[in-house]
Amino acid sequence: MKTAKLIVMYPQPTNLDTFEQRYANEHVPMAVEKLAGKTRFVASLITGSVGSNAPAPFHRIAEVYFPSMQALEDCLNSAGGQETAGHAVEISTGGAPVFLIAEVESFDF
């Protein structure tokens, strides 16, 4: 069975310090506590774009892994999932975050 993940891409914030403080102190603990069924949470800070001197279009990308698509959908439809998604939108001062859903195939080398 394929696993699934929720990807949340945050645009460059208008106030970097405020965003980072709220992300670390409010959002990550909320996601850890309220996203039921998750198996892994990866929060990446984007430091640049390959082959470009322009700023990257996203500041952070969060990936939340689930054992199945059904578990991901159940989480998103739960009160905790809705609250966490709403908080992601609230703290994203550079515009609305992009939410994506993906099936995951992993290859280890």
PDB file of N, CA and C in Angstrom:
ATOM      1  N   MET A   1       0.828  -1.173   0.000  1.00  0.00           N
ATOM      2  CA  MET A   1       0.000   0.000   0.000  1.00  0.00           C
ATOM      3  C   MET A   1       0.885   1.253   0.000  1.00  0.00           C
ATOM      4  N   LYS A   2       0.529   2.213  -0.820  1.00  0.00           N
ATOM      5  CA  LYS A   2       1.268   3.467  -0.861  1.00  0.00           C
ATOM      6  C   LYS A   2       0.901   4.317   0.350  1.00  0.00           C
ATOM      7  N   THR A   3       1.874   5.076   0.818  1.00  0.00           N
ATOM      8  CA  THR A   3       1.600   6.026   1.882  1.00  0.00           C
ATOM      9  C   THR A   3       1.192   7.353   1.250  1.00  0.00           C
ATOM     10  N   ALA A   4       0.884   8.329   2.081  1.00  0.00           N
ATOM     11  CA  ALA A   4       0.428   9.619   1.582  1.00  0.00           C
ATOM     12  C   ALA A   4       1.071  10.731   2.392  1.00  0.00           C
ATOM     13  N   LYS A   5       1.097  11.930   1.802  1.00  0.00           N
ATOM     14  CA  LYS A   5       1.587  13.067   2.565  1.00  0.00           C
ATOM     15  C   LYS A   5       0.848  14.330   2.174  1.00  0.00           C
ATOM     16  N   LEU A   6       0.765  15.210   3.159  1.00  0.00           N
ATOM     17  CA  LEU A   6       0.252  16.554   2.976  1.00  0.00           C
ATOM     18  C   LEU A   6       1.464  17.458   2.866  1.00  0.00           C
ATOM     19  N   ILE A   7       1.489  18.291   1.837  1.00  0.00           N
ATOM     20  CA  ILE A   7       2.584  19.237   1.626  1.00  0.00           C
ATOM     21  C   ILE A   7       1.999  20.637   1.785  1.00  0.00           C
ATOM     22  N   VAL A   8       2.640  21.454   2.630  1.00  0.00           N
ATOM     23  CA  VAL A   8       2.205  22.833   2.819  1.00  0.00           C
ATOM     24  C   VAL A   8       3.392  23.727   2.475  1.00  0.00           C
ATOM     25  N   MET A   9       3.208  24.587   1.462  1.00  0.00           N
ATOM     26  CA  MET A   9       4.281  25.460   0.999  1.00  0.00           C
ATOM     27  C   MET A   9       3.928  26.901   1.353  1.00  0.00           C
ATOM     28  N   TYR A  10       4.776  27.499   2.174  1.00  0.00           N
ATOM     29  CA  TYR A  10       4.548  28.860   2.653  1.00  0.00           C
ATOM     30  C   TYR A  10       5.319  29.855   1.793  1.00  0.00           C
ATOM     31  N   PRO A  11       4.634  30.874   1.227  1.00  0.00           N
ATOM     32  CA  PRO A  11       5.344  31.902   0.460  1.00  0.00           C
ATOM     33  C   PRO A  11       6.272  32.717   1.369  1.00  0.00           C
ATOM     34  N   GLN A  12       7.166  33.472   0.748  1.00  0.00           N
ATOM     35  CA  GLN A  12       8.060  34.341   1.516  1.00  0.00           C
ATOM     36  C   GLN A  12       7.212  35.268   2.390  1.00  0.00           C
ATOM     37  N   PRO A  13       7.442  35.280   3.707  1.00  0.00           N
ATOM     38  CA  PRO A  13       6.621  36.110   4.590  1.00  0.00           C
ATOM     39  C   PRO A  13       6.987  37.588   4.486  1.00  0.00           C
ATOM     40  N   THR A  14       6.005  38.430   4.765  1.00  0.00           N
ATOM     41  CA  THR A  14       6.271  39.869   4.788  1.00  0.00           C
ATOM     42  C   THR A  14       7.061  40.252   6.031  1.00  0.00           C
ATOM     43  N   ASN A  15       6.890  39.503   7.109  1.00  0.00           N
ATOM     44  CA  ASN A  15       7.650  39.739   8.330  1.00  0.00           C
ATOM     45  C   ASN A  15       8.282  38.413   8.753  1.00  0.00           C
ATOM     46  N   LEU A  16       9.534  38.239   8.367  1.00  0.00           N
ATOM     47  CA  LEU A  16      10.224  36.966   8.576  1.00  0.00           C
ATOM     48  C   LEU A  16      10.304  36.572  10.047  1.00  0.00           C
ATOM     49  N   ASP A  17      10.699  37.496  10.911  1.00  0.00           N
ATOM     50  CA  ASP A  17      10.861  37.170  12.327  1.00  0.00           C
ATOM     51  C   ASP A  17       9.544  36.742  12.979  1.00  0.00           C
ATOM     52  N   THR A  18       8.474  37.467  12.668  1.00  0.00           N
ATOM     53  CA  THR A  18       7.162  37.119  13.235  1.00  0.00           C
ATOM     54  C   THR A  18       6.710  35.753  12.737  1.00  0.00           C
ATOM     55  N   PHE A  19       6.860  35.520  11.431  1.00  0.00           N
ATOM     56  CA  PHE A  19       6.462  34.221  10.889  1.00  0.00           C
ATOM     57  C   PHE A  19       7.239  33.089  11.561  1.00  0.00           C
ATOM     58  N   GLU A  20       8.562  33.219  11.615  1.00  0.00           N
ATOM     59  CA  GLU A  20       9.385  32.148  12.191  1.00  0.00           C
ATOM     60  C   GLU A  20       9.052  31.889  13.658  1.00  0.00           C
ATOM     61  N   GLN A  21       8.801  32.950  14.395  1.00  0.00           N
ATOM     62  CA  GLN A  21       8.451  32.786  15.811  1.00  0.00           C
ATOM     63  C   GLN A  21       7.124  32.047  15.948  1.00  0.00           C
ATOM     64  N   ARG A  22       6.129  32.472  15.184  1.00  0.00           N
ATOM     65  CA  ARG A  22       4.815  31.824  15.279  1.00  0.00           C
ATOM     66  C   ARG A  22       4.860  30.392  14.745  1.00  0.00           C
ATOM     67  N   TYR A  23       5.644  30.176  13.694  1.00  0.00           N
ATOM     68  CA  TYR A  23       5.762  28.834  13.128  1.00  0.00           C
ATOM     69  C   TYR A  23       6.363  27.877  14.163  1.00  0.00           C
ATOM     70  N   ALA A  24       7.477  28.288  14.766  1.00  0.00           N
ATOM     71  CA  ALA A  24       8.175  27.422  15.720  1.00  0.00           C
ATOM     72  C   ALA A  24       7.423  27.259  17.042  1.00  0.00           C
ATOM     73  N   ASN A  25       6.848  28.335  17.535  1.00  0.00           N
ATOM     74  CA  ASN A  25       6.262  28.310  18.881  1.00  0.00           C
ATOM     75  C   ASN A  25       4.789  27.958  18.917  1.00  0.00           C
ATOM     76  N   GLU A  26       4.092  28.159  17.813  1.00  0.00           N
ATOM     77  CA  GLU A  26       2.658  27.874  17.787  1.00  0.00           C
ATOM     78  C   GLU A  26       2.310  26.745  16.818  1.00  0.00           C
ATOM     79  N   HIS A  27       2.758  26.910  15.560  1.00  0.00           N
ATOM     80  CA  HIS A  27       2.259  26.008  14.528  1.00  0.00           C
ATOM     81  C   HIS A  27       2.826  24.594  14.619  1.00  0.00           C
ATOM     82  N   VAL A  28       4.129  24.473  14.761  1.00  0.00           N
ATOM     83  CA  VAL A  28       4.709  23.125  14.836  1.00  0.00           C
ATOM     84  C   VAL A  28       4.150  22.351  16.038  1.00  0.00           C
ATOM     85  N   PRO A  29       4.097  22.946  17.244  1.00  0.00           N
ATOM     86  CA  PRO A  29       3.497  22.186  18.352  1.00  0.00           C
ATOM     87  C   PRO A  29       2.037  21.813  18.090  1.00  0.00           C
ATOM     88  N   MET A  30       1.286  22.711  17.435  1.00  0.00           N
ATOM     89  CA  MET A  30      -0.108  22.404  17.114  1.00  0.00           C
ATOM     90  C   MET A  30      -0.184  21.225  16.147  1.00  0.00           C
ATOM     91  N   ALA A  31       0.662  21.237  15.117  1.00  0.00           N
ATOM     92  CA  ALA A  31       0.657  20.143  14.142  1.00  0.00           C
ATOM     93  C   ALA A  31       1.023  18.819  14.808  1.00  0.00           C
ATOM     94  N   VAL A  32       2.016  18.844  15.667  1.00  0.00           N
ATOM     95  CA  VAL A  32       2.435  17.623  16.357  1.00  0.00           C
ATOM     96  C   VAL A  32       1.300  17.081  17.225  1.00  0.00           C
ATOM     97  N   GLU A  33       0.602  17.975  17.908  1.00  0.00           N
ATOM     98  CA  GLU A  33      -0.470  17.560  18.811  1.00  0.00           C
ATOM     99  C   GLU A  33      -1.758  17.168  18.098  1.00  0.00           C
ATOM    100  N   LYS A  34      -2.149  17.923  17.068  1.00  0.00           N
ATOM    101  CA  LYS A  34      -3.511  17.807  16.555  1.00  0.00           C
ATOM    102  C   LYS A  34      -3.677  17.074  15.234  1.00  0.00           C
ATOM    103  N   LEU A  35      -2.601  16.783  14.534  1.00  0.00           N
ATOM    104  CA  LEU A  35      -2.740  16.064  13.264  1.00  0.00           C
ATOM    105  C   LEU A  35      -2.731  14.562  13.535  1.00  0.00           C
ATOM    106  N   ALA A  36      -3.907  14.037  13.797  1.00  0.00           N
ATOM    107  CA  ALA A  36      -4.066  12.630  14.174  1.00  0.00           C
ATOM    108  C   ALA A  36      -3.688  11.708  13.016  1.00  0.00           C
ATOM    109  N   GLY A  37      -2.988  10.632  13.340  1.00  0.00           N
ATOM    110  CA  GLY A  37      -2.654   9.611  12.359  1.00  0.00           C
ATOM    111  C   GLY A  37      -1.351   9.823  11.619  1.00  0.00           C
ATOM    112  N   LYS A  38      -0.697  10.946  11.842  1.00  0.00           N
ATOM    113  CA  LYS A  38       0.566  11.221  11.139  1.00  0.00           C
ATOM    114  C   LYS A  38       1.641  10.255  11.622  1.00  0.00           C
ATOM    115  N   THR A  39       2.589   9.977  10.731  1.00  0.00           N
ATOM    116  CA  THR A  39       3.711   9.114  11.093  1.00  0.00           C
ATOM    117  C   THR A  39       5.042   9.857  11.071  1.00  0.00           C
ATOM    118  N   ARG A  40       5.060  11.022  10.415  1.00  0.00           N
ATOM    119  CA  ARG A  40       6.307  11.777  10.297  1.00  0.00           C
ATOM    120  C   ARG A  40       5.967  13.217   9.915  1.00  0.00           C
ATOM    121  N   PHE A  41       6.743  14.145  10.434  1.00  0.00           N
ATOM    122  CA  PHE A  41       6.573  15.565  10.119  1.00  0.00           C
ATOM    123  C   PHE A  41       7.940  16.124   9.758  1.00  0.00           C
ATOM    124  N   VAL A  42       8.069  16.706   8.564  1.00  0.00           N
ATOM    125  CA  VAL A  42       9.330  17.290   8.110  1.00  0.00           C
ATOM    126  C   VAL A  42       9.074  18.760   7.806  1.00  0.00           C
ATOM    127  N   ALA A  43       9.828  19.643   8.449  1.00  0.00           N
ATOM    128  CA  ALA A  43       9.698  21.083   8.210  1.00  0.00           C
ATOM    129  C   ALA A  43      11.006  21.574   7.596  1.00  0.00           C
ATOM    130  N   SER A  44      10.951  22.011   6.344  1.00  0.00           N
ATOM    131  CA  SER A  44      12.148  22.445   5.629  1.00  0.00           C
ATOM    132  C   SER A  44      12.155  23.958   5.477  1.00  0.00           C
ATOM    133  N   LEU A  45      13.319  24.557   5.738  1.00  0.00           N
ATOM    134  CA  LEU A  45      13.549  25.969   5.502  1.00  0.00           C
ATOM    135  C   LEU A  45      14.231  26.078   4.147  1.00  0.00           C
ATOM    136  N   ILE A  46      13.619  26.760   3.201  1.00  0.00           N
ATOM    137  CA  ILE A  46      14.159  26.870   1.854  1.00  0.00           C
ATOM    138  C   ILE A  46      15.247  27.949   1.858  1.00  0.00           C
ATOM    139  N   THR A  47      16.438  27.583   1.397  1.00  0.00           N
ATOM    140  CA  THR A  47      17.575  28.505   1.446  1.00  0.00           C
ATOM    141  C   THR A  47      17.960  29.069   0.090  1.00  0.00           C
ATOM    142  N   GLY A  48      17.367  28.582  -0.992  1.00  0.00           N
ATOM    143  CA  GLY A  48      17.680  29.118  -2.314  1.00  0.00           C
ATOM    144  C   GLY A  48      17.053  28.288  -3.404  1.00  0.00           C
ATOM    145  N   SER A  49      17.219  28.782  -4.631  1.00  0.00           N
ATOM    146  CA  SER A  49      16.753  28.080  -5.826  1.00  0.00           C
ATOM    147  C   SER A  49      17.968  27.667  -6.646  1.00  0.00           C
ATOM    148  N   VAL A  50      17.971  26.483  -7.167  1.00  0.00           N
ATOM    149  CA  VAL A  50      19.075  25.998  -7.989  1.00  0.00           C
ATOM    150  C   VAL A  50      19.071  26.747  -9.316  1.00  0.00           C
ATOM    151  N   GLY A  51      20.232  27.274  -9.684  1.00  0.00           N
ATOM    152  CA  GLY A  51      20.396  27.927 -10.971  1.00  0.00           C
ATOM    153  C   GLY A  51      19.777  29.304 -11.076  1.00  0.00           C
ATOM    154  N   SER A  52      19.457  29.915  -9.950  1.00  0.00           N
ATOM    155  CA  SER A  52      18.830  31.237 -10.004  1.00  0.00           C
ATOM    156  C   SER A  52      19.320  32.084  -8.848  1.00  0.00           C
ATOM    157  N   ASN A  53      19.504  33.359  -9.113  1.00  0.00           N
ATOM    158  CA  ASN A  53      19.840  34.295  -8.049  1.00  0.00           C
ATOM    159  C   ASN A  53      18.594  34.914  -7.433  1.00  0.00           C
ATOM    160  N   ALA A  54      17.449  34.667  -8.037  1.00  0.00           N
ATOM    161  CA  ALA A  54      16.190  35.199  -7.520  1.00  0.00           C
ATOM    162  C   ALA A  54      15.824  34.467  -6.233  1.00  0.00           C
ATOM    163  N   PRO A  55      15.132  35.153  -5.340  1.00  0.00           N
ATOM    164  CA  PRO A  55      14.683  34.482  -4.116  1.00  0.00           C
ATOM    165  C   PRO A  55      13.751  33.316  -4.452  1.00  0.00           C
ATOM    166  N   ALA A  56      13.816  32.281  -3.661  1.00  0.00           N
ATOM    167  CA  ALA A  56      12.921  31.140  -3.843  1.00  0.00           C
ATOM    168  C   ALA A  56      11.479  31.596  -3.606  1.00  0.00           C
ATOM    169  N   PRO A  57      10.520  31.036  -4.330  1.00  0.00           N
ATOM    170  CA  PRO A  57       9.134  31.470  -4.159  1.00  0.00           C
ATOM    171  C   PRO A  57       8.526  31.039  -2.820  1.00  0.00           C
ATOM    172  N   PHE A  58       9.143  30.065  -2.169  1.00  0.00           N
ATOM    173  CA  PHE A  58       8.624  29.581  -0.889  1.00  0.00           C
ATOM    174  C   PHE A  58       9.693  29.703   0.185  1.00  0.00           C
ATOM    175  N   HIS A  59       9.241  30.008   1.394  1.00  0.00           N
ATOM    176  CA  HIS A  59      10.131  30.165   2.541  1.00  0.00           C
ATOM    177  C   HIS A  59      10.267  28.851   3.310  1.00  0.00           C
ATOM    178  N   ARG A  60       9.169  28.169   3.509  1.00  0.00           N
ATOM    179  CA  ARG A  60       9.150  26.881   4.203  1.00  0.00           C
ATOM    180  C   ARG A  60       8.255  25.925   3.452  1.00  0.00           C
ATOM    181  N   ILE A  61       8.603  24.651   3.544  1.00  0.00           N
ATOM    182  CA  ILE A  61       7.753  23.582   3.032  1.00  0.00           C
ATOM    183  C   ILE A  61       7.646  22.531   4.125  1.00  0.00           C
ATOM    184  N   ALA A  62       6.419  22.247   4.519  1.00  0.00           N
ATOM    185  CA  ALA A  62       6.165  21.223   5.530  1.00  0.00           C
ATOM    186  C   ALA A  62       5.582  19.991   4.846  1.00  0.00           C
ATOM    187  N   GLU A  63       6.038  18.821   5.281  1.00  0.00           N
ATOM    188  CA  GLU A  63       5.521  17.561   4.767  1.00  0.00           C
ATOM    189  C   GLU A  63       5.061  16.717   5.951  1.00  0.00           C
ATOM    190  N   VAL A  64       3.805  16.317   5.905  1.00  0.00           N
ATOM    191  CA  VAL A  64       3.230  15.505   6.974  1.00  0.00           C
ATOM    192  C   VAL A  64       2.827  14.171   6.354  1.00  0.00           C
ATOM    193  N   TYR A  65       3.439  13.105   6.830  1.00  0.00           N
ATOM    194  CA  TYR A  65       3.252  11.770   6.255  1.00  0.00           C
ATOM    195  C   TYR A  65       2.181  10.989   7.012  1.00  0.00           C
ATOM    196  N   PHE A  66       1.459  10.148   6.256  1.00  0.00           N
ATOM    197  CA  PHE A  66       0.394   9.308   6.799  1.00  0.00           C
ATOM    198  C   PHE A  66       0.519   7.898   6.224  1.00  0.00           C
ATOM    199  N   PRO A  67       0.025   6.881   6.931  1.00  0.00           N
ATOM    200  CA  PRO A  67       0.163   5.506   6.440  1.00  0.00           C
ATOM    201  C   PRO A  67      -0.702   5.197   5.218  1.00  0.00           C
ATOM    202  N   SER A  68      -1.713   6.029   4.962  1.00  0.00           N
ATOM    203  CA  SER A  68      -2.594   5.810   3.810  1.00  0.00           C
ATOM    204  C   SER A  68      -3.281   7.121   3.439  1.00  0.00           C
ATOM    205  N   MET A  69      -3.835   7.162   2.237  1.00  0.00           N
ATOM    206  CA  MET A  69      -4.601   8.320   1.798  1.00  0.00           C
ATOM    207  C   MET A  69      -5.826   8.504   2.687  1.00  0.00           C
ATOM    208  N   GLN A  70      -6.425   7.400   3.106  1.00  0.00           N
ATOM    209  CA  GLN A  70      -7.609   7.491   3.974  1.00  0.00           C
ATOM    210  C   GLN A  70      -7.250   8.144   5.311  1.00  0.00           C
ATOM    211  N   ALA A  71      -6.095   7.795   5.866  1.00  0.00           N
ATOM    212  CA  ALA A  71      -5.664   8.406   7.134  1.00  0.00           C
ATOM    213  C   ALA A  71      -5.434   9.905   6.964  1.00  0.00           C
ATOM    214  N   LEU A  72      -4.851  10.295   5.834  1.00  0.00           N
ATOM    215  CA  LEU A  72      -4.639  11.714   5.558  1.00  0.00           C
ATOM    216  C   LEU A  72      -5.982  12.443   5.453  1.00  0.00           C
ATOM    217  N   GLU A  73      -6.912  11.876   4.686  1.00  0.00           N
ATOM    218  CA  GLU A  73      -8.225  12.500   4.520  1.00  0.00           C
ATOM    219  C   GLU A  73      -8.972  12.585   5.839  1.00  0.00           C
ATOM    220  N   ASP A  74      -8.887  11.532   6.655  1.00  0.00           N
ATOM    221  CA  ASP A  74      -9.533  11.555   7.969  1.00  0.00           C
ATOM    222  C   ASP A  74      -8.963  12.680   8.825  1.00  0.00           C
ATOM    223  N   CYS A  75      -7.653  12.860   8.774  1.00  0.00           N
ATOM    224  CA  CYS A  75      -7.001  13.919   9.533  1.00  0.00           C
ATOM    225  C   CYS A  75      -7.477  15.284   9.047  1.00  0.00           C
ATOM    226  N   LEU A  76      -7.472  15.504   7.740  1.00  0.00           N
ATOM    227  CA  LEU A  76      -7.879  16.804   7.209  1.00  0.00           C
ATOM    228  C   LEU A  76      -9.326  17.142   7.545  1.00  0.00           C
ATOM    229  N   ASN A  77     -10.169  16.134   7.655  1.00  0.00           N
ATOM    230  CA  ASN A  77     -11.579  16.354   7.965  1.00  0.00           C
ATOM    231  C   ASN A  77     -11.858  16.445   9.460  1.00  0.00           C
ATOM    232  N   SER A  78     -10.861  16.187  10.285  1.00  0.00           N
ATOM    233  CA  SER A  78     -11.042  16.236  11.738  1.00  0.00           C
ATOM    234  C   SER A  78     -10.990  17.679  12.240  1.00  0.00           C
ATOM    235  N   ALA A  79     -11.475  17.897  13.442  1.00  0.00           N
ATOM    236  CA  ALA A  79     -11.415  19.227  14.057  1.00  0.00           C
ATOM    237  C   ALA A  79      -9.968  19.693  14.188  1.00  0.00           C
ATOM    238  N   GLY A  80      -9.065  18.807  14.604  1.00  0.00           N
ATOM    239  CA  GLY A  80      -7.655  19.155  14.743  1.00  0.00           C
ATOM    240  C   GLY A  80      -7.009  19.496  13.412  1.00  0.00           C
ATOM    241  N   GLY A  81      -7.365  18.765  12.371  1.00  0.00           N
ATOM    242  CA  GLY A  81      -6.840  19.044  11.041  1.00  0.00           C
ATOM    243  C   GLY A  81      -7.322  20.389  10.522  1.00  0.00           C
ATOM    244  N   GLN A  82      -8.595  20.672  10.725  1.00  0.00           N
ATOM    245  CA  GLN A  82      -9.160  21.950  10.287  1.00  0.00           C
ATOM    246  C   GLN A  82      -8.544  23.120  11.053  1.00  0.00           C
ATOM    247  N   GLU A  83      -8.370  22.942  12.356  1.00  0.00           N
ATOM    248  CA  GLU A  83      -7.767  24.001  13.173  1.00  0.00           C
ATOM    249  C   GLU A  83      -6.323  24.274  12.746  1.00  0.00           C
ATOM    250  N   THR A  84      -5.570  23.216  12.505  1.00  0.00           N
ATOM    251  CA  THR A  84      -4.172  23.368  12.114  1.00  0.00           C
ATOM    252  C   THR A  84      -4.057  24.003  10.731  1.00  0.00           C
ATOM    253  N   ALA A  85      -4.891  23.605   9.797  1.00  0.00           N
ATOM    254  CA  ALA A  85      -4.876  24.214   8.463  1.00  0.00           C
ATOM    255  C   ALA A  85      -5.250  25.695   8.545  1.00  0.00           C
ATOM    256  N   GLY A  86      -6.234  26.027   9.358  1.00  0.00           N
ATOM    257  CA  GLY A  86      -6.621  27.421   9.535  1.00  0.00           C
ATOM    258  C   GLY A  86      -5.500  28.252  10.123  1.00  0.00           C
ATOM    259  N   HIS A  87      -4.772  27.671  11.057  1.00  0.00           N
ATOM    260  CA  HIS A  87      -3.639  28.370  11.672  1.00  0.00           C
ATOM    261  C   HIS A  87      -2.531  28.577  10.649  1.00  0.00           C
ATOM    262  N   ALA A  88      -2.306  27.614   9.772  1.00  0.00           N
ATOM    263  CA  ALA A  88      -1.297  27.768   8.714  1.00  0.00           C
ATOM    264  C   ALA A  88      -1.627  28.976   7.841  1.00  0.00           C
ATOM    265  N   VAL A  89      -2.880  29.127   7.497  1.00  0.00           N
ATOM    266  CA  VAL A  89      -3.304  30.270   6.684  1.00  0.00           C
ATOM    267  C   VAL A  89      -3.115  31.568   7.467  1.00  0.00           C
ATOM    268  N   GLU A  90      -3.481  31.556   8.740  1.00  0.00           N
ATOM    269  CA  GLU A  90      -3.386  32.758   9.582  1.00  0.00           C
ATOM    270  C   GLU A  90      -1.959  33.273   9.706  1.00  0.00           C
ATOM    271  N   ILE A  91      -0.988  32.391   9.880  1.00  0.00           N
ATOM    272  CA  ILE A  91       0.395  32.849  10.109  1.00  0.00           C
ATOM    273  C   ILE A  91       1.140  33.151   8.818  1.00  0.00           C
ATOM    274  N   SER A  92       0.599  32.785   7.671  1.00  0.00           N
ATOM    275  CA  SER A  92       1.291  32.945   6.397  1.00  0.00           C
ATOM    276  C   SER A  92       1.099  34.368   5.873  1.00  0.00           C
ATOM    277  N   THR A  93       1.975  35.272   6.302  1.00  0.00           N
ATOM    278  CA  THR A  93       1.814  36.695   6.004  1.00  0.00           C
ATOM    279  C   THR A  93       2.175  37.066   4.567  1.00  0.00           C
ATOM    280  N   GLY A  94       2.821  36.200   3.836  1.00  0.00           N
ATOM    281  CA  GLY A  94       3.198  36.497   2.454  1.00  0.00           C
ATOM    282  C   GLY A  94       2.183  36.032   1.439  1.00  0.00           C
ATOM    283  N   GLY A  95       1.020  35.629   1.890  1.00  0.00           N
ATOM    284  CA  GLY A  95      -0.020  35.091   1.021  1.00  0.00           C
ATOM    285  C   GLY A  95      -0.419  33.717   1.527  1.00  0.00           C
ATOM    286  N   ALA A  96      -1.485  33.208   0.987  1.00  0.00           N
ATOM    287  CA  ALA A  96      -1.992  31.905   1.423  1.00  0.00           C
ATOM    288  C   ALA A  96      -0.990  30.793   1.110  1.00  0.00           C
ATOM    289  N   PRO A  97      -0.802  29.864   2.039  1.00  0.00           N
ATOM    290  CA  PRO A  97       0.058  28.725   1.734  1.00  0.00           C
ATOM    291  C   PRO A  97      -0.610  27.825   0.694  1.00  0.00           C
ATOM    292  N   VAL A  98       0.211  27.075  -0.010  1.00  0.00           N
ATOM    293  CA  VAL A  98      -0.285  26.111  -0.990  1.00  0.00           C
ATOM    294  C   VAL A  98      -0.356  24.755  -0.298  1.00  0.00           C
ATOM    295  N   PHE A  99      -1.514  24.115  -0.346  1.00  0.00           N
ATOM    296  CA  PHE A  99      -1.719  22.791   0.242  1.00  0.00           C
ATOM    297  C   PHE A  99      -1.799  21.774  -0.891  1.00  0.00           C
ATOM    298  N   LEU A 100      -0.973  20.726  -0.816  1.00  0.00           N
ATOM    299  CA  LEU A 100      -0.979  19.658  -1.811  1.00  0.00           C
ATOM    300  C   LEU A 100      -1.117  18.311  -1.111  1.00  0.00           C
ATOM    301  N   ILE A 101      -1.683  17.356  -1.807  1.00  0.00           N
ATOM    302  CA  ILE A 101      -1.796  15.984  -1.310  1.00  0.00           C
ATOM    303  C   ILE A 101      -1.074  15.086  -2.309  1.00  0.00           C
ATOM    304  N   ALA A 102      -0.256  14.159  -1.799  1.00  0.00           N
ATOM    305  CA  ALA A 102       0.524  13.303  -2.689  1.00  0.00           C
ATOM    306  C   ALA A 102       0.529  11.857  -2.212  1.00  0.00           C
ATOM    307  N   GLU A 103       0.562  10.930  -3.176  1.00  0.00           N
ATOM    308  CA  GLU A 103       0.887   9.540  -2.877  1.00  0.00           C
ATOM    309  C   GLU A 103       2.400   9.452  -2.829  1.00  0.00           C
ATOM    310  N   VAL A 104       2.916   8.622  -1.952  1.00  0.00           N
ATOM    311  CA  VAL A 104       4.367   8.547  -1.737  1.00  0.00           C
ATOM    312  C   VAL A 104       4.880   7.165  -2.111  1.00  0.00           C
ATOM    313  N   GLU A 105       5.923   7.154  -2.938  1.00  0.00           N
ATOM    314  CA  GLU A 105       6.706   5.956  -3.199  1.00  0.00           C
ATOM    315  C   GLU A 105       8.124   6.280  -2.775  1.00  0.00           C
ATOM    316  N   SER A 106       8.701   5.459  -1.952  1.00  0.00           N
ATOM    317  CA  SER A 106      10.067   5.712  -1.455  1.00  0.00           C
ATOM    318  C   SER A 106      11.019   4.681  -2.031  1.00  0.00           C
ATOM    319  N   PHE A 107      12.229   5.160  -2.335  1.00  0.00           N
ATOM    320  CA  PHE A 107      13.298   4.295  -2.821  1.00  0.00           C
ATOM    321  C   PHE A 107      14.506   4.554  -1.963  1.00  0.00           C
ATOM    322  N   ASP A 108      15.000   3.533  -1.313  1.00  0.00           N
ATOM    323  CA  ASP A 108      16.216   3.660  -0.490  1.00  0.00           C
ATOM    324  C   ASP A 108      17.401   3.114  -1.256  1.00  0.00           C
ATOM    325  N   PHE A 109      18.529   3.803  -1.153  1.00  0.00           N
ATOM    326  CA  PHE A 109      19.735   3.387  -1.859  1.00  0.00           C
ATOM    327  C   PHE A 109      20.851   3.146  -0.866  1.00  0.00           C
TER     328      PHE A 109
END
